[in-house]
């Protein structure tokens, strides 16, 4: 069960990492009305408790899907909810770094905005991003486990921690395999 739970955690964190970097980078680098719209959306997303939001999104996954389709759907559901914190952090770093002398010099030199973001700004806080990603993996695993335990995630042919916990709730399983 560990293999499936960990891969959902790793793939989900990778997807939220991409979403958080792109959305937070755009929000922080460009600012203005784009920043306001993105930040209000992040506020709304972060104000909803994670578990009910996971449950609502996972309930939209059809029950007749195969295990692999459900696996990817649950991974996407967890990623949709998990990117907001990283995006807000990336935005804060971008706001503080975009007006630094080296970024202004690169902009005046004619370097493209994408290259400024990728080559000059992101490497300065990449260590924080690595720590944030590492600390997000357990939340993704807990999300998958909770959804599978509640019957909204992976189901019995698949073996994950949530499916194993759900199966352990049956007294016959505990009696036959203590």
Protein backbone atom coordinates (compact mmCIF):
# COMPACT_ATOMS: atom_id res chain seq x y z
CA UNK A 1 0.00 0.00 0.00
CA UNK A 2 2.97 2.28 0.55
CA UNK A 3 3.92 2.38 -3.13
CA UNK A 4 0.56 3.78 -4.27
CA UNK A 5 0.22 6.21 -1.37
CA UNK A 6 3.75 7.55 -1.85
CA UNK A 7 3.43 7.90 -5.61
CA UNK A 8 0.19 9.81 -5.21
CA UNK A 9 2.00 12.05 -2.73
CA UNK A 10 4.99 12.60 -5.01
CA UNK A 11 3.03 13.10 -8.24
CA UNK A 12 0.49 15.34 -6.48
CA UNK A 13 3.25 17.48 -4.98
CA UNK A 14 4.94 17.74 -8.38
CA UNK A 15 1.71 18.97 -9.99
CA UNK A 16 1.04 21.46 -7.17
CA UNK A 17 4.68 22.57 -7.41
CA UNK A 18 4.22 23.43 -11.09
CA UNK A 19 0.89 25.20 -10.44
CA UNK A 20 2.25 27.09 -7.43
CA UNK A 21 5.39 28.27 -9.21
CA UNK A 22 3.58 29.42 -12.34
CA UNK A 23 0.61 31.09 -10.65
CA UNK A 24 2.66 32.59 -7.81
CA UNK A 25 5.36 33.76 -10.21
CA UNK A 26 2.86 35.48 -12.49
CA UNK A 27 1.09 37.04 -9.51
CA UNK A 28 4.25 38.37 -7.89
CA UNK A 29 6.16 39.43 -10.97
CA UNK A 30 3.41 41.29 -12.80
CA UNK A 31 1.42 42.56 -9.81
CA UNK A 32 -1.48 44.94 -10.33
CA UNK A 33 -4.95 43.65 -11.15
CA UNK A 34 -3.60 40.19 -12.05
CA UNK A 35 -2.10 39.91 -8.57
CA UNK A 36 -5.33 41.03 -6.92
CA UNK A 37 -7.48 38.53 -8.81
CA UNK A 38 -5.10 35.63 -8.16
CA UNK A 39 -4.73 36.50 -4.47
CA UNK A 40 -8.49 36.72 -3.92
CA UNK A 41 -8.91 33.31 -5.57
CA UNK A 42 -6.16 31.92 -3.31
CA UNK A 43 -7.90 33.47 -0.27
CA UNK A 44 -11.16 31.75 -1.21
CA UNK A 45 -9.41 28.43 -1.84
CA UNK A 46 -7.48 28.57 1.44
CA UNK A 47 -10.56 29.56 3.47
CA UNK A 48 -12.30 26.27 2.65
CA UNK A 49 -11.20 23.40 4.92
CA UNK A 50 -9.14 20.86 2.98
CA UNK A 51 -10.97 17.64 3.83
CA UNK A 52 -14.48 18.80 2.79
CA UNK A 53 -13.00 20.31 -0.38
CA UNK A 54 -11.16 17.05 -1.16
CA UNK A 55 -14.38 15.14 -0.53
CA UNK A 56 -16.44 17.40 -2.78
CA UNK A 57 -13.96 17.18 -5.64
CA UNK A 58 -13.43 13.43 -5.21
CA UNK A 59 -17.20 12.83 -5.19
CA UNK A 60 -17.23 14.14 -8.76
CA UNK A 61 -15.03 11.23 -9.87
CA UNK A 62 -17.24 8.57 -11.49
CA UNK A 63 -17.35 5.27 -9.60
CA UNK A 64 -17.12 3.19 -12.77
CA UNK A 65 -13.63 4.44 -13.64
CA UNK A 66 -10.72 2.01 -13.60
CA UNK A 67 -8.18 2.05 -10.80
CA UNK A 68 -5.64 3.96 -12.89
CA UNK A 69 -8.18 6.61 -13.90
CA UNK A 70 -9.23 7.02 -10.27
CA UNK A 71 -5.56 7.18 -9.23
CA UNK A 72 -4.89 10.09 -11.57
CA UNK A 73 -8.17 11.81 -10.71
CA UNK A 74 -7.39 11.69 -6.98
CA UNK A 75 -3.88 12.97 -7.67
CA UNK A 76 -5.29 15.91 -9.62
CA UNK A 77 -7.88 16.61 -6.92
CA UNK A 78 -5.18 16.76 -4.26
CA UNK A 79 -3.00 18.96 -6.48
CA UNK A 80 -5.80 21.43 -7.17
CA UNK A 81 -6.13 22.07 -3.45
CA UNK A 82 -2.42 21.95 -2.55
CA UNK A 83 -0.86 24.66 -4.72
CA UNK A 84 -2.18 27.78 -2.99
CA UNK A 85 0.31 27.97 -0.12
CA UNK A 86 3.33 27.63 -2.40
CA UNK A 87 1.88 30.20 -4.83
CA UNK A 88 1.49 32.72 -2.04
CA UNK A 89 5.08 32.17 -0.91
CA UNK A 90 6.46 32.43 -4.44
CA UNK A 91 4.48 35.65 -4.89
CA UNK A 92 6.04 37.14 -1.77
CA UNK A 93 9.54 36.28 -2.93
CA UNK A 94 8.84 37.64 -6.42
CA UNK A 95 7.50 40.92 -5.03
CA UNK A 96 10.63 41.43 -2.97
CA UNK A 97 13.12 40.33 -5.64
CA UNK A 98 11.67 41.90 -8.80
CA UNK A 99 12.79 45.39 -7.77
CA UNK A 100 16.32 44.36 -6.77
CA UNK A 101 19.17 45.96 -8.71
CA UNK A 102 20.15 42.78 -10.58
CA UNK A 103 16.56 42.20 -11.80
CA UNK A 104 16.17 45.81 -12.91
CA UNK A 105 19.57 45.64 -14.66
CA UNK A 106 18.53 42.48 -16.49
CA UNK A 107 15.24 44.10 -17.54
CA UNK A 108 17.04 47.24 -18.79
CA UNK A 109 19.56 45.05 -20.67
CA UNK A 110 16.71 43.63 -22.72
CA UNK A 111 16.52 40.19 -21.12
CA UNK A 112 13.07 38.64 -21.54
CA UNK A 113 10.74 38.46 -18.55
CA UNK A 114 10.58 34.66 -18.62
CA UNK A 115 14.38 34.42 -18.53
CA UNK A 116 14.54 36.94 -15.66
CA UNK A 117 12.10 34.86 -13.65
CA UNK A 118 13.70 31.48 -14.40
CA UNK A 119 17.39 32.46 -14.43
CA UNK A 120 17.59 35.29 -11.91
CA UNK A 121 14.71 35.13 -9.46
CA UNK A 122 13.73 31.46 -8.94
CA UNK A 123 17.24 30.22 -8.07
CA UNK A 124 17.41 32.68 -5.15
CA UNK A 125 14.67 30.95 -3.20
CA UNK A 126 14.91 27.45 -4.64
CA UNK A 127 16.06 26.06 -1.28
CA UNK A 128 12.83 27.26 0.31
CA UNK A 129 10.83 25.69 -2.50
CA UNK A 130 12.56 22.33 -1.93
CA UNK A 131 11.72 22.45 1.79
CA UNK A 132 8.12 23.41 1.02
CA UNK A 133 7.76 20.54 -1.42
CA UNK A 134 9.23 18.07 1.06
CA UNK A 135 6.83 19.18 3.77
CA UNK A 136 3.84 18.98 1.40
CA UNK A 137 4.29 15.27 0.61
CA UNK A 138 2.75 14.06 3.92
CA UNK A 139 -0.33 16.23 3.35
CA UNK A 140 -0.88 14.63 -0.05
CA UNK A 141 -0.48 11.15 1.43
CA UNK A 142 -2.91 11.96 4.24
CA UNK A 143 -5.36 13.32 1.67
CA UNK A 144 -5.24 10.12 -0.39
CA UNK A 145 -5.51 7.97 2.72
CA UNK A 146 -8.49 9.93 4.03
CA UNK A 147 -10.34 9.85 0.71
CA UNK A 148 -9.74 6.13 0.23
CA UNK A 149 -10.73 5.39 3.83
CA UNK A 150 -13.99 7.29 3.35
CA UNK A 151 -14.70 5.42 0.10
CA UNK A 152 -14.18 8.40 -2.21
CA UNK A 153 -10.68 7.52 -3.39
CA UNK A 154 -9.14 4.27 -4.53
CA UNK A 155 -11.19 1.11 -4.10
CA UNK A 156 -10.50 -2.53 -3.18
CA UNK A 157 -8.56 -3.91 -6.16
CA UNK A 158 -5.97 -1.20 -5.53
CA UNK A 159 -3.93 -1.41 -2.36
CA UNK A 160 -3.15 1.87 -0.61
CA UNK A 161 -3.01 2.91 3.01
CA UNK A 162 -6.57 4.23 2.89
CA UNK A 163 -7.92 1.03 1.34
CA UNK A 164 -6.06 -1.05 3.95
CA UNK A 165 -7.48 1.09 6.76
CA UNK A 166 -10.97 0.76 5.33
CA UNK A 167 -10.59 -3.03 5.11
CA UNK A 168 -9.32 -3.18 8.69
CA UNK A 169 -12.64 -1.76 9.89
CA UNK A 170 -14.32 -5.08 9.16
CA UNK A 171 -14.20 -7.26 12.27
CA UNK A 172 -13.83 -10.44 10.22
CA UNK A 173 -10.56 -9.14 8.74
CA UNK A 174 -9.19 -8.45 12.20
CA UNK A 175 -10.38 -11.84 13.51
CA UNK A 176 -8.85 -13.84 10.64
CA UNK A 177 -5.61 -11.81 10.39
CA UNK A 178 -4.79 -10.33 13.78
